[in-house]
Protein backbone atom coordinates (compact mmCIF):
# COMPACT_ATOMS: atom_id res chain seq x y z
CA UNK A 1 1.18 10.98 -3.91
CA UNK A 2 4.16 11.53 -2.70
CA UNK A 3 6.86 11.72 -6.67
CA UNK A 4 10.43 11.76 -5.80
CA UNK A 5 12.75 12.08 -8.76
CA UNK A 6 15.65 9.27 -8.60
CA UNK A 7 17.46 11.30 -10.16
CA UNK A 8 17.88 14.68 -8.10
CA UNK A 9 19.22 12.96 -4.61
CA UNK A 10 16.29 14.18 -3.51
CA UNK A 11 15.42 10.46 -0.62
CA UNK A 12 13.26 10.55 1.94
CA UNK A 13 14.15 8.94 5.26
CA UNK A 14 12.83 5.22 4.87
CA UNK A 15 10.99 4.83 8.20
CA UNK A 16 7.46 4.50 8.96
CA UNK A 17 6.16 7.05 11.96
CA UNK A 18 2.59 6.80 12.89
CA UNK A 19 3.22 9.35 15.51
CA UNK A 20 0.61 11.97 13.75
CA UNK A 21 -1.88 9.42 12.57
CA UNK A 22 -5.55 9.89 13.76
CA UNK A 23 -5.43 5.78 13.80
CA UNK A 24 -3.21 3.54 15.89
CA UNK A 25 -1.26 0.83 14.62
CA UNK A 26 -3.81 -1.59 15.06
CA UNK A 27 -6.30 -0.08 13.94
CA UNK A 28 -4.78 0.51 10.87
CA UNK A 29 -3.93 -3.21 10.89
CA UNK A 30 -7.81 -4.23 11.56
CA UNK A 31 -8.49 -1.63 8.26
CA UNK A 32 -6.55 -3.68 6.47
CA UNK A 33 -8.14 -6.76 7.39
CA UNK A 34 -11.53 -5.51 6.37
CA UNK A 35 -10.41 -4.30 3.15
CA UNK A 36 -8.20 -6.91 2.27
CA UNK A 37 -10.93 -10.03 3.50
CA UNK A 38 -14.34 -7.65 1.64
CA UNK A 39 -12.84 -6.52 -1.61
CA UNK A 40 -8.73 -7.98 -2.76
CA UNK A 41 -9.46 -9.72 -5.53
CA UNK A 42 -5.61 -9.91 -6.80
CA UNK A 43 -2.08 -8.74 -6.21
CA UNK A 44 1.52 -8.29 -8.25
CA UNK A 45 4.50 -7.44 -7.93
CA UNK A 46 7.69 -6.31 -9.66
CA UNK A 47 11.56 -5.61 -8.72
CA UNK A 48 9.97 -2.07 -7.83
CA UNK A 49 6.77 -2.03 -7.11
CA UNK A 50 3.86 -3.96 -6.04
CA UNK A 51 -0.18 -3.62 -7.07
CA UNK A 52 -3.02 -5.06 -5.26
CA UNK A 53 -6.33 -5.29 -6.91
CA UNK A 54 -9.98 -4.60 -5.04
CA UNK A 55 -13.05 -4.96 -6.30
CA UNK A 56 -14.76 -1.45 -7.66
CA UNK A 57 -17.45 -1.37 -5.44
CA UNK A 58 -18.90 1.51 -4.27
CA UNK A 59 -17.33 3.44 -1.43
CA UNK A 60 -14.13 1.27 -2.21
CA UNK A 61 -12.01 3.85 -4.04
CA UNK A 62 -12.56 6.06 -1.22
CA UNK A 63 -11.72 3.96 1.38
CA UNK A 64 -8.73 2.69 -1.01
CA UNK A 65 -7.30 6.51 -1.94
CA UNK A 66 -8.07 7.48 2.45
CA UNK A 67 -6.09 4.61 3.48
CA UNK A 68 -3.24 4.89 0.91
CA UNK A 69 -2.95 8.88 1.89
CA UNK A 70 -2.70 7.71 5.50
CA UNK A 71 -0.18 5.27 4.62
CA UNK A 72 2.26 7.26 2.51
CA UNK A 73 1.77 9.78 5.64
CA UNK A 74 3.92 7.74 8.06
CA UNK A 75 5.77 5.78 5.22
CA UNK A 76 7.05 9.03 2.87
CA UNK A 77 9.37 6.43 1.03
CA UNK A 78 6.32 5.21 -0.70
CA UNK A 79 5.38 6.49 -3.90
CA UNK A 80 1.62 5.62 -3.93
CA UNK A 81 -1.06 5.93 -7.04
CA UNK A 82 -4.48 4.67 -6.72
CA UNK A 83 -6.55 4.54 -9.73
CA UNK A 84 -9.93 2.76 -11.42
CA UNK A 85 -10.67 0.82 -14.03
CA UNK A 86 -14.42 -0.07 -14.66
CA UNK A 87 -14.30 -3.40 -12.50
CA UNK A 88 -11.00 -2.62 -9.95
CA UNK A 89 -9.71 -0.07 -7.80
CA UNK A 90 -5.45 -0.44 -8.42
CA UNK A 91 -3.37 0.91 -5.57
CA UNK A 92 -0.14 0.97 -6.76
CA UNK A 93 3.38 1.31 -4.51
CA UNK A 94 6.69 1.74 -5.28
CA UNK A 95 9.55 3.11 -3.36
CA UNK A 96 13.47 4.57 -3.43
CA UNK A 97 16.75 2.57 -4.66
CA UNK A 98 16.76 1.78 -1.80
CA UNK A 99 17.44 -1.91 0.07
CA UNK A 100 15.09 -1.34 3.09
CA UNK A 101 12.84 0.53 1.11
CA UNK A 102 12.23 -2.40 -0.92
CA UNK A 103 12.34 -5.26 2.04
CA UNK A 104 9.55 -2.92 3.34
CA UNK A 105 7.40 -3.03 0.27
CA UNK A 106 8.48 -7.11 0.56
CA UNK A 107 6.71 -7.01 3.50
CA UNK A 108 3.92 -4.45 3.05
CA UNK A 109 3.06 -6.97 -0.44
CA UNK A 110 3.31 -10.01 2.00
CA UNK A 111 0.55 -8.00 4.26
CA UNK A 112 -2.68 -10.29 3.54
CA UNK A 113 -0.63 -13.31 4.18
CA UNK A 114 0.51 -11.93 7.85
CA UNK A 115 -3.29 -10.88 8.00
CA UNK A 116 -4.05 -14.24 7.21
CA UNK A 117 -6.69 -13.75 4.31
CA UNK A 118 -8.19 -17.04 2.89
CA UNK A 119 -6.86 -17.34 -1.02
CA UNK A 120 -4.84 -14.31 -1.38
CA UNK A 121 -1.47 -16.58 -1.00
CA UNK A 122 1.20 -16.38 -3.55
CA UNK A 123 2.61 -14.21 -5.98
């Protein structure tokens, strides 16, 4: 989890860099497609954050934690948290107070639509 203090002046660059990732962008998108298609049950957003909600089936929490950590590694301006309730795995993402960061977060929220996942439009 990446925590930056908004009042400290600490601002990670607003850039996504997969140059050190073990997977390619195409492989990452395919992984999102599989996760969203099989397990996404909902999503929410506010002005400053988004939440993806997944069924808490066996193996989903570690998968979401791993993917969230890899996403945070390439997009350091994301502040991520993965938690679990009895029935859902929650992936929360917020960003620094920056217009470009908010635009990227909005695109991330729309990723299920962009990947054409049935039944996930809206929000």
